[in-house]
């Protein structure tokens, strides 16, 4: 359903014309009501609010702000002549799009179609600003890192996020900070409309409301800040912006999981600086253990010692590596969780279905539950927490 905030019958006629007169009762026009009244009285099936060109910009901003507070699942459009200042103000209050008054019918229809599609995806999923803030000053920021590629960071990060979100739906964000070759979208079977690069390019200063515009929901439990579609776009994200985004997300969501590229890039260091927990992923190869030790020493040297550290031994139980006790002694850390090597992991990545959903009773899933339980109260598969989801 579409609501037009306008005093102009001509504007209503234009919108109906753009839809070839097929809207019938799916479009209504309201004028005279205050922003809070309109937002408060919005029906459950409302998807789009379009603010007409006849509405003063201060009123339009107030209306968008009211809807973002109580109905962030509704897409708000402005039909107005955009200026950089106005566009920045619109983005600050969660406006989905700004359409020029002179746009033709096709452009108008496409803008409404995008807004409807976004609302359909987000309906009942995006929580209002401030509604999820944890009792503490910020949520838990859990950064997953490893010095070498292929260690299983994305597998651990994505499955951990799914486990936490299954127990705490709507309260978990997974941020892909591998800005050149991030593949969280593949691991979770997502087709995002936005990425972290879009958030970095947003005019004005990001805030808790604006950052949520760029999240991609996965079903009804997990949100993802996706990596850019190309390495060139990744270059547009400054490390300071990466850190700021984590602060904003942690102020809104109790759990923020960060996937990172190999090594210690500037963006990874920015994530570590804002982290409450670090999950170090290491396998049983001697080179991986030595590299992980150098990472630990580097973090200690620069004073990144406040975050609680957890060690995940990936591909545990294989006969080609060194003993667990030697890993622990070399790193000076206790092994928190060992996850076994299994052919199901690459298969799940190719299918876009996390293994904790595809095979919740597997050894991999059971062991990863042990890690997730360190961050939040997690049920067990036998009690029905994780069920295989339709692809």
Protein backbone atom coordinates (compact mmCIF):
# COMPACT_ATOMS: atom_id res chain seq x y z
CA UNK A 1 0.00 0.00 0.00
CA UNK A 2 1.14 3.54 -0.84
CA UNK A 3 0.40 6.68 1.16
CA UNK A 4 0.83 10.08 -0.49
CA UNK A 5 1.58 12.92 1.90
CA UNK A 6 0.35 15.77 -0.25
CA UNK A 7 -2.37 18.36 -0.58
CA UNK A 8 -2.28 18.10 -4.36
CA UNK A 9 -4.83 16.03 -6.32
CA UNK A 10 -2.60 16.62 -9.36
CA UNK A 11 0.28 14.79 -7.69
CA UNK A 12 -2.01 11.87 -6.88
CA UNK A 13 -3.12 11.78 -10.49
CA UNK A 14 0.51 11.68 -11.65
CA UNK A 15 1.30 8.70 -9.44
CA UNK A 16 -1.81 6.82 -10.53
CA UNK A 17 -0.92 7.57 -14.14
CA UNK A 18 2.59 6.15 -13.61
CA UNK A 19 0.98 2.88 -12.52
CA UNK A 20 -1.42 2.89 -15.49
CA UNK A 21 -4.39 3.32 -13.17
CA UNK A 22 -3.84 -0.13 -11.59
CA UNK A 23 -3.48 0.99 -7.97
CA UNK A 24 -7.18 1.20 -7.12
CA UNK A 25 -7.47 0.99 -3.33
CA UNK A 26 -3.74 0.47 -2.87
CA UNK A 27 -3.10 4.20 -2.83
CA UNK A 28 -4.45 6.85 -0.48
CA UNK A 29 -3.66 10.52 -0.02
CA UNK A 30 -3.51 12.23 3.34
CA UNK A 31 -3.20 15.92 4.04
CA UNK A 32 -3.54 17.97 7.15
CA UNK A 33 -2.43 15.32 9.64
CA UNK A 34 0.74 15.82 11.68
CA UNK A 35 3.75 13.60 11.02
CA UNK A 36 3.32 11.77 14.33
CA UNK A 37 -0.38 11.20 13.62
CA UNK A 38 0.34 9.78 10.17
CA UNK A 39 3.09 7.50 11.45
CA UNK A 40 1.10 6.36 14.44
CA UNK A 41 -2.00 5.56 12.40
CA UNK A 42 -0.14 3.75 9.57
CA UNK A 43 -1.70 0.43 8.65
CA UNK A 44 0.28 -2.80 8.87
CA UNK A 45 0.24 -3.23 5.09
CA UNK A 46 1.69 0.22 4.38
CA UNK A 47 4.86 -0.06 2.30
CA UNK A 48 5.64 3.37 0.87
CA UNK A 49 5.09 6.96 1.94
CA UNK A 50 5.68 9.47 -0.87
CA UNK A 51 6.00 13.09 0.17
CA UNK A 52 4.72 15.39 -2.57
CA UNK A 53 6.55 18.40 -3.99
CA UNK A 54 4.01 20.72 -2.39
CA UNK A 55 5.11 19.84 1.16
CA UNK A 56 7.66 22.21 2.75
CA UNK A 57 10.98 20.49 3.31
CA UNK A 58 10.95 20.98 7.09
CA UNK A 59 7.59 19.20 7.22
CA UNK A 60 8.85 16.46 4.90
CA UNK A 61 11.89 15.85 7.10
CA UNK A 62 9.66 15.73 10.18
CA UNK A 63 7.40 13.17 8.50
CA UNK A 64 10.34 10.95 7.47
CA UNK A 65 11.79 11.19 10.98
CA UNK A 66 8.48 10.13 12.52
CA UNK A 67 8.20 7.07 10.27
CA UNK A 68 11.83 6.09 10.84
CA UNK A 69 11.17 6.12 14.58
CA UNK A 70 8.05 3.96 14.63
CA UNK A 71 7.85 2.25 11.20
CA UNK A 72 11.37 1.90 9.76
CA UNK A 73 10.09 -0.95 7.59
CA UNK A 74 8.18 1.61 5.48
CA UNK A 75 10.08 3.20 2.57
CA UNK A 76 9.84 7.00 2.46
CA UNK A 77 10.29 8.86 -0.83
CA UNK A 78 10.64 12.58 -1.42
CA UNK A 79 9.46 14.15 -4.66
CA UNK A 80 11.49 17.33 -4.60
CA UNK A 81 14.31 19.23 -6.27
CA UNK A 82 17.37 17.79 -4.55
CA UNK A 83 20.24 19.88 -3.24
CA UNK A 84 23.28 18.39 -1.49
CA UNK A 85 22.06 19.82 1.82
CA UNK A 86 18.55 18.47 1.38
CA UNK A 87 19.76 15.07 0.24
CA UNK A 88 22.04 14.82 3.27
CA UNK A 89 19.17 15.76 5.60
CA UNK A 90 16.91 13.21 3.89
CA UNK A 91 19.46 10.43 4.31
CA UNK A 92 19.86 11.29 7.97
CA UNK A 93 16.20 10.42 8.58
CA UNK A 94 16.17 7.25 6.48
CA UNK A 95 14.61 8.49 3.23
CA UNK A 96 14.80 5.75 0.58
CA UNK A 97 14.99 7.96 -2.52
CA UNK A 98 14.58 11.52 -3.78
CA UNK A 99 12.77 11.91 -7.11
CA UNK A 100 12.82 15.06 -9.22
CA UNK A 101 9.36 16.64 -9.69
CA UNK A 102 9.93 16.62 -13.46
CA UNK A 103 10.63 12.87 -13.57
CA UNK A 104 8.64 11.08 -16.25
CA UNK A 105 6.16 8.30 -15.56
CA UNK A 106 8.70 5.54 -16.09
CA UNK A 107 11.21 7.08 -13.66
CA UNK A 108 8.46 7.64 -11.11
CA UNK A 109 7.20 4.10 -11.42
CA UNK A 110 10.71 2.63 -11.13
CA UNK A 111 11.36 4.65 -7.96
CA UNK A 112 8.13 3.37 -6.41
CA UNK A 113 8.92 -0.19 -7.50
CA UNK A 114 12.33 -0.02 -5.80
CA UNK A 115 10.74 1.38 -2.66
CA UNK A 116 8.07 -1.31 -2.61
CA UNK A 117 10.67 -4.04 -3.12
CA UNK A 118 12.78 -2.64 -0.28
CA UNK A 119 9.77 -2.44 2.05
CA UNK A 120 8.70 -5.98 1.14
CA UNK A 121 12.16 -7.24 2.07
CA UNK A 122 12.40 -5.20 5.24
CA UNK A 123 8.79 -5.50 6.45
CA UNK A 124 8.87 -6.55 10.04
CA UNK A 125 12.66 -6.88 10.06
CA UNK A 126 14.43 -3.55 10.66
CA UNK A 127 13.99 -2.40 14.26
CA UNK A 128 13.48 1.27 15.15
CA UNK A 129 16.49 3.30 16.18
CA UNK A 130 17.42 2.79 19.79
CA UNK A 131 15.07 -0.14 20.32
CA UNK A 132 17.80 -2.76 20.48
CA UNK A 133 20.45 -1.00 22.50
CA UNK A 134 21.99 -3.31 25.08
CA UNK A 135 22.01 -2.43 28.75
CA UNK A 136 25.67 -1.44 28.56
CA UNK A 137 27.18 1.51 26.70
CA UNK A 138 27.53 -0.55 23.53
CA UNK A 139 27.02 -3.99 22.10
CA UNK A 140 29.61 -6.69 21.83
CA UNK A 141 31.91 -6.30 18.80
CA UNK A 142 33.43 -9.66 17.90
CA UNK A 143 36.17 -9.47 15.26
CA UNK A 144 37.31 -12.67 13.54
CA UNK A 145 40.87 -12.56 12.22
CA UNK A 146 43.74 -14.67 10.95
CA UNK A 147 47.11 -13.80 9.42
CA UNK A 148 46.61 -16.04 6.39
CA UNK A 149 43.91 -16.46 3.79
CA UNK A 150 42.06 -19.75 3.65
CA UNK A 151 42.08 -20.19 7.42
CA UNK A 152 38.29 -20.26 7.59
CA UNK A 153 37.54 -16.76 8.90
CA UNK A 154 34.43 -16.26 6.77
CA UNK A 155 33.13 -19.73 7.66
CA UNK A 156 33.57 -19.07 11.37
CA UNK A 157 32.23 -15.49 11.22
CA UNK A 158 29.14 -16.28 9.14
CA UNK A 159 28.19 -19.41 11.08
CA UNK A 160 28.79 -17.68 14.41
CA UNK A 161 26.55 -14.79 13.32
CA UNK A 162 23.80 -17.20 12.25
CA UNK A 163 23.98 -19.03 15.58
CA UNK A 164 23.74 -15.82 17.59
CA UNK A 165 20.94 -14.48 15.40
CA UNK A 166 18.96 -17.70 15.78
CA UNK A 167 18.98 -17.22 19.54
CA UNK A 168 18.63 -13.43 19.42
CA UNK A 169 16.77 -12.58 16.19
CA UNK A 170 17.08 -9.03 14.97
CA UNK A 171 19.92 -8.26 17.38
CA UNK A 172 22.94 -9.34 15.32
CA UNK A 173 24.90 -7.64 12.53
CA UNK A 174 27.64 -9.29 10.47
CA UNK A 175 30.03 -6.75 8.90
CA UNK A 176 32.27 -7.88 6.03
CA UNK A 177 35.47 -5.86 6.32
CA UNK A 178 37.32 -7.78 3.61
CA UNK A 179 36.79 -4.77 1.37
CA UNK A 180 38.51 -6.19 -1.70
CA UNK A 181 37.37 -9.80 -1.87
CA UNK A 182 34.76 -10.26 0.85
CA UNK A 183 32.48 -13.24 0.26
CA UNK A 184 30.05 -13.15 3.17
CA UNK A 185 27.29 -12.55 0.62
CA UNK A 186 28.12 -15.86 -1.05
CA UNK A 187 28.37 -17.68 2.25
CA UNK A 188 24.89 -16.49 3.23
CA UNK A 189 23.27 -16.55 -0.22
CA UNK A 190 22.57 -12.81 -0.31
CA UNK A 191 21.99 -10.42 -3.21
CA UNK A 192 22.57 -7.04 -1.55
CA UNK A 193 21.38 -3.67 -2.80
CA UNK A 194 23.89 -1.76 -0.68
CA UNK A 195 27.42 -2.19 0.63
CA UNK A 196 29.79 -0.55 3.08
CA UNK A 197 31.07 1.56 0.17
CA UNK A 198 27.60 3.08 -0.25
CA UNK A 199 27.58 3.92 3.45
CA UNK A 200 31.00 5.55 3.12
CA UNK A 201 29.77 7.66 0.18
CA UNK A 202 26.60 8.82 1.93
CA UNK A 203 26.49 12.63 2.19
CA UNK A 204 26.78 14.17 5.62
CA UNK A 205 27.81 12.40 8.77
CA UNK A 206 26.61 8.86 9.37
CA UNK A 207 24.39 8.22 12.35
CA UNK A 208 22.56 5.23 13.82
CA UNK A 209 19.57 5.79 11.55
CA UNK A 210 21.53 6.23 8.34
CA UNK A 211 23.79 3.21 8.78
CA UNK A 212 20.77 0.90 8.94
CA UNK A 213 19.74 1.95 5.45
CA UNK A 214 22.78 0.11 4.12
CA UNK A 215 22.19 -3.19 5.94
CA UNK A 216 20.99 -6.26 4.07
CA UNK A 217 18.54 -8.41 6.04
CA UNK A 218 18.84 -12.18 5.94
CA UNK A 219 15.43 -13.70 6.54
CA UNK A 220 14.11 -12.29 9.82
CA UNK A 221 17.01 -12.62 12.18
CA UNK A 222 20.35 -11.37 10.86
CA UNK A 223 21.56 -8.13 9.23
CA UNK A 224 24.67 -7.83 7.08
CA UNK A 225 26.88 -4.86 6.17
CA UNK A 226 28.18 -6.28 2.91
CA UNK A 227 31.58 -5.82 1.30
CA UNK A 228 31.79 -3.71 -1.88
CA UNK A 229 31.24 -5.31 -5.25
CA UNK A 230 34.75 -4.46 -6.48
CA UNK A 231 38.20 -3.81 -4.99
CA UNK A 232 38.10 -0.26 -6.39
CA UNK A 233 35.01 0.51 -4.31
CA UNK A 234 36.74 -0.90 -1.26
CA UNK A 235 39.43 1.75 -1.63
CA UNK A 236 36.79 4.41 -1.03
CA UNK A 237 36.22 3.31 2.57
CA UNK A 238 38.59 5.09 4.94
CA UNK A 239 39.71 3.18 8.05
CA UNK A 240 38.27 5.93 10.25
CA UNK A 241 34.89 5.40 8.60
CA UNK A 242 35.16 1.66 9.20
CA UNK A 243 35.70 2.27 12.90
CA UNK A 244 32.89 4.80 13.10
CA UNK A 245 30.46 2.38 11.47
CA UNK A 246 31.22 -0.25 14.08
CA UNK A 247 30.57 2.27 16.84
CA UNK A 248 27.19 3.11 15.33
CA UNK A 249 26.24 -0.53 14.86
CA UNK A 250 27.31 -1.42 18.39
CA UNK A 251 25.12 1.37 19.73
CA UNK A 252 22.09 -0.21 18.02
CA UNK A 253 22.74 -3.96 18.08
CA UNK A 254 23.88 -6.10 21.00
CA UNK A 255 26.07 -8.28 18.76
CA UNK A 256 28.31 -7.15 15.90
CA UNK A 257 30.44 -9.80 14.16
CA UNK A 258 33.26 -8.59 11.90
CA UNK A 259 34.81 -10.72 9.16
CA UNK A 260 38.25 -9.51 8.06
CA UNK A 261 40.79 -10.08 5.28
CA UNK A 262 44.05 -11.93 5.83
CA UNK A 263 46.67 -10.11 7.89
CA UNK A 264 46.39 -6.83 9.72
CA UNK A 265 45.11 -4.21 7.29
CA UNK A 266 44.25 -0.68 8.37
CA UNK A 267 40.56 -1.58 8.33
CA UNK A 268 41.17 -4.67 10.43
CA UNK A 269 43.11 -2.58 12.95
CA UNK A 270 40.22 -0.11 13.03
CA UNK A 271 37.86 -3.01 13.79
CA UNK A 272 40.17 -4.39 16.48
CA UNK A 273 40.37 -0.97 18.12
CA UNK A 274 36.58 -1.00 18.62
CA UNK A 275 36.27 -4.69 19.48
CA UNK A 276 35.28 -6.23 22.78
CA UNK A 277 36.35 -9.70 21.59
CA UNK A 278 38.88 -11.08 19.12
CA UNK A 279 38.44 -14.55 17.62
CA UNK A 280 41.78 -15.77 16.28
CA UNK A 281 41.40 -18.55 13.73
CA UNK A 282 44.36 -20.89 13.26
CA UNK A 283 44.85 -24.30 11.70
CA UNK A 284 47.37 -26.99 12.62
CA UNK A 285 50.05 -26.04 10.10
CA UNK A 286 53.28 -24.82 11.61
CA UNK A 287 53.34 -21.73 9.38
CA UNK A 288 49.82 -20.76 10.48
CA UNK A 289 50.73 -21.11 14.15
CA UNK A 290 53.86 -19.02 13.75
CA UNK A 291 52.00 -16.33 11.82
CA UNK A 292 49.27 -16.23 14.45
CA UNK A 293 51.92 -15.82 17.11
CA UNK A 294 53.34 -12.83 15.22
CA UNK A 295 49.86 -11.30 15.05
CA UNK A 296 49.45 -11.67 18.81
CA UNK A 297 52.85 -10.07 19.39
CA UNK A 298 52.00 -7.21 17.04
CA UNK A 299 48.72 -6.52 18.83
CA UNK A 300 50.49 -6.53 22.17
CA UNK A 301 53.17 -4.18 20.84
CA UNK A 302 50.67 -1.53 19.74
CA UNK A 303 48.61 -1.83 22.91
CA UNK A 304 45.54 -3.63 21.53
CA UNK A 305 45.13 -5.69 24.67
CA UNK A 306 41.70 -4.71 26.01
CA UNK A 307 39.60 -7.06 23.88
CA UNK A 308 39.07 -10.55 25.21
CA UNK A 309 40.82 -13.09 22.99
CA UNK A 310 39.45 -16.45 21.90
CA UNK A 311 41.30 -19.11 19.91
CA UNK A 312 39.54 -21.29 17.35
CA UNK A 313 41.53 -24.20 16.03
CA UNK A 314 40.17 -24.91 12.57
CA UNK A 315 40.49 -28.31 10.92
CA UNK A 316 41.18 -29.80 14.33
CA UNK A 317 41.78 -33.53 14.53
CA UNK A 318 43.71 -33.80 11.26
CA UNK A 319 46.84 -35.96 11.32
CA UNK A 320 48.99 -33.67 9.17
CA UNK A 321 49.55 -30.86 11.65
CA UNK A 322 51.22 -30.31 15.01
CA UNK A 323 49.69 -31.31 18.33
CA UNK A 324 47.06 -29.16 20.04
CA UNK A 325 49.27 -28.77 23.10
CA UNK A 326 52.09 -27.35 20.97
CA UNK A 327 49.70 -24.86 19.37
CA UNK A 328 48.55 -23.68 22.78
CA UNK A 329 52.11 -23.41 24.11
CA UNK A 330 53.39 -21.54 21.06
CA UNK A 331 50.55 -19.01 21.11
CA UNK A 332 50.37 -18.68 24.88
CA UNK A 333 46.60 -19.18 24.66
CA UNK A 334 44.16 -21.86 25.60
CA UNK A 335 42.26 -23.35 22.66
CA UNK A 336 38.64 -22.33 23.19
CA UNK A 337 37.12 -24.37 20.38
CA UNK A 338 38.37 -26.91 17.88
CA UNK A 339 36.26 -27.37 14.75
CA UNK A 340 36.91 -30.41 12.59
CA UNK A 341 37.66 -30.49 8.90
CA UNK A 342 34.66 -31.59 6.87
CA UNK A 343 33.72 -31.63 3.20
CA UNK A 344 30.38 -30.10 4.20
CA UNK A 345 31.98 -26.69 4.82
CA UNK A 346 32.97 -25.86 1.20
CA UNK A 347 29.69 -27.37 0.03
CA UNK A 348 27.71 -25.11 2.37
CA UNK A 349 29.68 -22.07 1.18
CA UNK A 350 28.90 -22.89 -2.44
CA UNK A 351 25.22 -23.32 -1.61
CA UNK A 352 25.00 -20.13 0.44
CA UNK A 353 23.61 -22.16 3.36
CA UNK A 354 25.65 -22.05 6.60
CA UNK A 355 26.58 -25.47 7.90
CA UNK A 356 24.99 -24.76 11.29
CA UNK A 357 21.67 -24.68 9.43
CA UNK A 358 22.40 -27.36 6.85
CA UNK A 359 23.81 -29.82 9.41
CA UNK A 360 22.98 -28.51 12.90
CA UNK A 361 23.94 -31.78 14.61
CA UNK A 362 27.30 -32.14 12.91
CA UNK A 363 30.50 -32.02 14.95
CA UNK A 364 31.36 -28.68 13.33
CA UNK A 365 28.03 -27.14 14.39
CA UNK A 366 28.12 -28.59 17.89
CA UNK A 367 31.63 -27.35 18.51
CA UNK A 368 30.87 -23.88 17.16
CA UNK A 369 27.96 -23.71 19.60
CA UNK A 370 30.62 -23.78 22.29
CA UNK A 371 32.15 -20.62 20.88
CA UNK A 372 28.82 -18.80 20.48
CA UNK A 373 27.88 -19.66 24.06
CA UNK A 374 30.82 -17.54 25.21
CA UNK A 375 29.04 -14.46 23.88
CA UNK A 376 25.36 -15.14 24.53
CA UNK A 377 22.90 -17.66 25.89
CA UNK A 378 22.50 -20.23 23.11
CA UNK A 379 20.07 -23.11 22.97
CA UNK A 380 21.04 -26.48 21.50
CA UNK A 381 19.94 -28.06 18.22
CA UNK A 382 18.08 -30.79 20.12
CA UNK A 383 15.75 -28.12 21.45
CA UNK A 384 14.94 -26.88 17.99
CA UNK A 385 17.08 -23.76 17.82
CA UNK A 386 18.41 -24.45 14.34
CA UNK A 387 16.36 -25.97 11.61
CA UNK A 388 17.37 -26.33 7.99
CA UNK A 389 16.05 -23.33 6.12
CA UNK A 390 14.51 -23.34 2.68
CA UNK A 391 16.94 -22.11 0.05
